[in-house]
Amino acid sequence: MPEPRLRPLAELVPARLRAARGVLTDIDDTLTRDGAIEPVALAALQRLHAQGVPVIAITGRPSGWSEPFAAAWPVLAIVAENGGVMLRAASGRVERDYTQDDETRQRNYARLQACARAVLEAVPGARLAADSAGRLTDIAVDHSEFAHLDARRIAEVAALMRAHGLNATVSSIHVNGWIGAHTKWSGAQWAVQRCLGTPLQPAEWVYAGDSTNDQEMFEHIPLSVAVANIARFVPQLTVLPAFVTHAERGAGFAELADAMLAARAAQ
């Protein structure tokens, strides 16, 4: 049986993109490079917004890091901390909603910090992500942003988080751990329902991502598109995206946005 392959975005039939209602997207290394949005990706978000295409970003980044971008970018919402927090710009400020009540978050916070201490003590070279001060519902260990952990130590971090009763996923830069049933997928459903007043219909959306923690979205959204830098993670993926862009990071996202807008213009 032939190995599954990543199909180039150029092979995507325009009619499928034309039928898409909106875009769900990861942030790190999908829109950004080194933690900052690439100008070409911001311009693509603006073009989508100008044509009435809703965009919702879903990330493992913390609430505090995401808040200024929720205010500045032309997106309906940013779902942060892998589905734990949703941020929306409204009337000149950013509204913040949570999947868990205050008491639950406070109880879980103590468990998360205990797990973080255990990871730092047990895994040589492990350090918390630089954005940890802005995290409200999860913890993150840096493996590729400012620190470097090899594959063995990344696996050790994730295993320790799970041993402490946390969910654990690996993004392009961090190992994220959290307590609760929320995920990127549940966060996407939550955001679409809250922002648009209708349930998320997977066939009506495009998802853009770049790493292993996007696999659940690749599985649920038939029209999933990875930016080219996903090549780094392909050996670790059990679920592949349907298509891949030619360009990496923000330029890859812009490639997808332009294909979507061109398909609409041809209608």
Foldseek 3Di string as FASTA:
>chain_A
DDDDDFAAPVPDDLVLLLQAQAEEEEAPFAQDDLLDGDPLLQVLQVVCVVVPHAYEYEYLAFPVSCQVVLQPGPHQWYQYNFQAWIWHDDPNGIDIDGPDDPVVLVVFVVLQVVLVVVLPVPFPQWDWDPRQVRHRFKTKIWDANPGHDDPVSLVVSCVSLVVSVWHWDDAPTIIMTGHDDHGSVVNVQVSCCVRVVDGDDLSNYEYEGAAQSCQVVQVRRLRYEYEPNSVVHVVVHPRDHRHYYPHIHSVRSSVVSVSSVVSNVVD
